[in-house]
Amino acid sequence: MTMDKSLKVQAGAIKARNVLTRAERIARLKSLDRWSDESDVIGMPKVRVVKISLKKKKKVKKEETEEKGKKKKK
């Protein structure tokens, strides 16, 4: 069965989560070398969640592009 277009989530609509699941926290701690297999799940150290913000692209002014075009013609 297919899903209706209105129910699909677009890639830009996904928000950053501020809480990680237990498996994600353990994976992050392992990559930071702060977790061992003998460590207890209860009392797990905190892990900072990095929020990624996308920068907007700057718009190129029409005047600058026209000046560049005039210089090439001469």
N, C-alpha and C. Protein backbone atom coordinates (compact mmCIF):
# COMPACT_ATOMS: atom_id res chain seq x y z
N MET A 1 0.84 -1.17 0.00
CA MET A 1 0.00 0.00 0.00
C MET A 1 0.90 1.24 0.00
N THR A 2 0.57 2.22 -0.80
CA THR A 2 1.39 3.43 -0.89
C THR A 2 0.89 4.49 0.08
N MET A 3 1.80 5.42 0.41
CA MET A 3 1.46 6.48 1.34
C MET A 3 1.06 7.73 0.55
N ASP A 4 0.07 8.43 1.03
CA ASP A 4 -0.38 9.65 0.38
C ASP A 4 0.70 10.72 0.46
N LYS A 5 0.79 11.57 -0.57
CA LYS A 5 1.82 12.61 -0.62
C LYS A 5 1.73 13.57 0.56
N SER A 6 0.54 13.85 1.03
CA SER A 6 0.36 14.81 2.12
C SER A 6 0.89 14.27 3.46
N LEU A 7 1.04 12.97 3.57
CA LEU A 7 1.50 12.37 4.82
C LEU A 7 3.01 12.20 4.89
N LYS A 8 3.69 12.34 3.76
CA LYS A 8 5.13 12.16 3.74
C LYS A 8 5.82 13.37 4.36
N VAL A 9 6.93 13.11 5.03
CA VAL A 9 7.71 14.17 5.67
C VAL A 9 8.81 14.58 4.72
N GLN A 10 8.90 15.87 4.46
CA GLN A 10 9.97 16.37 3.60
C GLN A 10 11.26 16.43 4.39
N ALA A 11 12.38 16.39 3.69
CA ALA A 11 13.69 16.38 4.35
C ALA A 11 13.92 17.65 5.16
N GLY A 12 13.43 18.78 4.71
CA GLY A 12 13.63 20.04 5.41
C GLY A 12 12.77 20.18 6.65
N ALA A 13 11.74 19.36 6.78
CA ALA A 13 10.83 19.47 7.90
C ALA A 13 11.32 18.72 9.14
N ILE A 14 12.38 17.95 9.02
CA ILE A 14 12.89 17.18 10.16
C ILE A 14 13.66 18.12 11.09
N LYS A 15 13.24 18.17 12.34
CA LYS A 15 13.88 19.06 13.31
C LYS A 15 14.95 18.30 14.10
N ALA A 16 15.89 19.03 14.63
CA ALA A 16 16.93 18.42 15.44
C ALA A 16 16.34 18.02 16.79
N ARG A 17 16.67 16.81 17.22
CA ARG A 17 16.19 16.35 18.52
C ARG A 17 17.17 16.76 19.60
N ASN A 18 16.68 17.06 20.78
CA ASN A 18 17.57 17.44 21.87
C ASN A 18 17.78 16.28 22.85
N VAL A 19 17.20 15.12 22.57
CA VAL A 19 17.38 13.95 23.43
C VAL A 19 17.76 12.77 22.55
N LEU A 20 18.81 12.05 22.95
CA LEU A 20 19.26 10.88 22.21
C LEU A 20 18.68 9.62 22.84
N THR A 21 18.51 8.58 22.05
CA THR A 21 18.09 7.30 22.60
C THR A 21 19.29 6.67 23.31
N ARG A 22 19.03 5.65 24.08
CA ARG A 22 20.10 4.99 24.83
C ARG A 22 21.16 4.44 23.89
N ALA A 23 20.74 3.83 22.79
CA ALA A 23 21.69 3.26 21.84
C ALA A 23 22.55 4.37 21.20
N GLU A 24 21.94 5.51 20.89
CA GLU A 24 22.68 6.63 20.31
C GLU A 24 23.68 7.20 21.32
N ARG A 25 23.27 7.28 22.59
CA ARG A 25 24.19 7.78 23.63
C ARG A 25 25.38 6.84 23.81
N ILE A 26 25.12 5.54 23.81
CA ILE A 26 26.21 4.58 23.97
C ILE A 26 27.16 4.65 22.78
N ALA A 27 26.61 4.77 21.57
CA ALA A 27 27.46 4.88 20.37
C ALA A 27 28.32 6.13 20.44
N ARG A 28 27.75 7.25 20.88
CA ARG A 28 28.50 8.50 20.99
C ARG A 28 29.58 8.39 22.06
N LEU A 29 29.26 7.75 23.20
CA LEU A 29 30.25 7.57 24.26
C LEU A 29 31.39 6.65 23.81
N LYS A 30 31.07 5.62 23.02
CA LYS A 30 32.11 4.73 22.51
C LYS A 30 33.05 5.49 21.57
N SER A 31 32.49 6.37 20.75
CA SER A 31 33.34 7.13 19.83
C SER A 31 34.23 8.12 20.58
N LEU A 32 33.78 8.56 21.76
CA LEU A 32 34.58 9.47 22.59
C LEU A 32 35.48 8.72 23.57
N ASP A 33 35.47 7.39 23.52
CA ASP A 33 36.25 6.52 24.43
C ASP A 33 35.89 6.76 25.89
N ARG A 34 34.61 6.99 26.16
CA ARG A 34 34.12 7.17 27.52
C ARG A 34 33.22 6.03 27.95
N TRP A 35 33.14 4.96 27.14
CA TRP A 35 32.26 3.84 27.43
C TRP A 35 33.00 2.54 27.23
N SER A 36 32.81 1.62 28.14
CA SER A 36 33.36 0.27 27.99
C SER A 36 32.21 -0.73 28.11
N ASP A 37 32.44 -1.95 27.70
CA ASP A 37 31.38 -2.95 27.76
C ASP A 37 31.00 -3.31 29.19
N GLU A 38 31.87 -3.05 30.14
CA GLU A 38 31.58 -3.34 31.54
C GLU A 38 30.81 -2.21 32.22
N SER A 39 30.67 -1.07 31.57
CA SER A 39 29.98 0.08 32.17
C SER A 39 28.50 -0.23 32.36
N ASP A 40 27.92 0.38 33.39
CA ASP A 40 26.52 0.17 33.72
C ASP A 40 25.66 1.19 32.97
N VAL A 41 24.50 0.77 32.52
CA VAL A 41 23.60 1.65 31.78
C VAL A 41 23.00 2.69 32.71
N ILE A 42 22.78 2.33 33.96
CA ILE A 42 22.24 3.27 34.93
C ILE A 42 23.36 4.21 35.37
N GLY A 43 23.10 5.48 35.40
CA GLY A 43 24.12 6.46 35.76
C GLY A 43 25.05 6.78 34.60
N MET A 44 24.55 6.66 33.40
CA MET A 44 25.34 6.92 32.20
C MET A 44 25.72 8.40 32.14
N PRO A 45 26.95 8.72 31.70
CA PRO A 45 27.34 10.13 31.61
C PRO A 45 26.53 10.86 30.55
N LYS A 46 26.40 12.18 30.74
CA LYS A 46 25.65 13.00 29.79
C LYS A 46 26.44 13.17 28.50
N VAL A 47 25.71 13.37 27.41
CA VAL A 47 26.31 13.56 26.09
C VAL A 47 25.71 14.82 25.50
N ARG A 48 26.57 15.70 25.04
CA ARG A 48 26.09 16.94 24.45
C ARG A 48 25.56 16.67 23.04
N VAL A 49 24.43 17.26 22.72
CA VAL A 49 23.82 17.13 21.41
C VAL A 49 24.14 18.40 20.63
N VAL A 50 24.81 18.24 19.50
CA VAL A 50 25.19 19.38 18.68
C VAL A 50 24.07 19.69 17.72
N LYS A 51 23.59 20.92 17.77
CA LYS A 51 22.53 21.33 16.86
C LYS A 51 23.17 21.92 15.62
N ILE A 52 22.73 21.49 14.47
CA ILE A 52 23.27 21.96 13.21
C ILE A 52 22.30 22.98 12.63
N SER A 53 22.81 24.16 12.32
CA SER A 53 21.98 25.17 11.68
C SER A 53 22.51 25.42 10.28
N LEU A 54 21.62 25.44 9.33
CA LEU A 54 21.99 25.66 7.94
C LEU A 54 22.05 27.16 7.66
N LYS A 55 23.13 27.57 7.00
CA LYS A 55 23.27 28.97 6.66
C LYS A 55 22.58 29.22 5.32
N LYS A 56 21.96 30.38 5.21
CA LYS A 56 21.29 30.73 3.97
C LYS A 56 22.31 31.23 2.97
N LYS A 57 22.08 30.90 1.70
CA LYS A 57 22.98 31.35 0.65
C LYS A 57 22.73 32.82 0.38
N LYS A 58 23.81 33.55 0.13
CA LYS A 58 23.70 34.97 -0.17
C LYS A 58 23.24 35.14 -1.61
N LYS A 59 22.36 36.11 -1.81
CA LYS A 59 21.88 36.39 -3.16
C LYS A 59 22.88 37.30 -3.87
N VAL A 60 23.15 37.01 -5.13
CA VAL A 60 24.07 37.81 -5.92
C VAL A 60 23.28 38.99 -6.48
N LYS A 61 23.81 40.17 -6.31
CA LYS A 61 23.13 41.37 -6.80
C LYS A 61 23.20 41.42 -8.32
N LYS A 62 22.16 41.94 -8.95
CA LYS A 62 22.11 42.04 -10.41
C LYS A 62 23.15 43.02 -10.92
N GLU A 63 23.42 44.08 -10.17
CA GLU A 63 24.39 45.09 -10.60
C GLU A 63 25.78 44.49 -10.76
N GLU A 64 26.18 43.64 -9.85
CA GLU A 64 27.51 43.03 -9.92
C GLU A 64 27.62 42.13 -11.16
N THR A 65 26.58 41.40 -11.45
CA THR A 65 26.63 40.51 -12.61
C THR A 65 26.64 41.31 -13.91
N GLU A 66 25.93 42.44 -13.95
CA GLU A 66 25.91 43.28 -15.15
C GLU A 66 27.28 43.91 -15.38
N GLU A 67 27.94 44.35 -14.31
CA GLU A 67 29.27 44.96 -14.43
C GLU A 67 30.29 43.94 -14.94
N LYS A 68 30.19 42.74 -14.49
CA LYS A 68 31.11 41.69 -14.94
C LYS A 68 30.88 41.40 -16.43
N GLY A 69 29.63 41.44 -16.87
CA GLY A 69 29.30 41.19 -18.26
C GLY A 69 29.81 42.30 -19.16
N LYS A 70 29.77 43.55 -18.70
CA LYS A 70 30.26 44.69 -19.49
C LYS A 70 31.76 44.63 -19.66
N LYS A 71 32.48 44.22 -18.64
CA LYS A 71 33.94 44.15 -18.69
C LYS A 71 34.39 43.09 -19.70
N LYS A 72 33.68 42.01 -19.78
CA LYS A 72 34.05 40.93 -20.72
C LYS A 72 33.83 41.34 -22.17
N LYS A 73 32.80 42.18 -22.42
CA LYS A 73 32.48 42.60 -23.78
C LYS A 73 33.54 43.56 -24.33
N LYS A 74 34.16 44.36 -23.50
CA LYS A 74 35.15 45.35 -23.94
C LYS A 74 36.43 44.68 -24.24
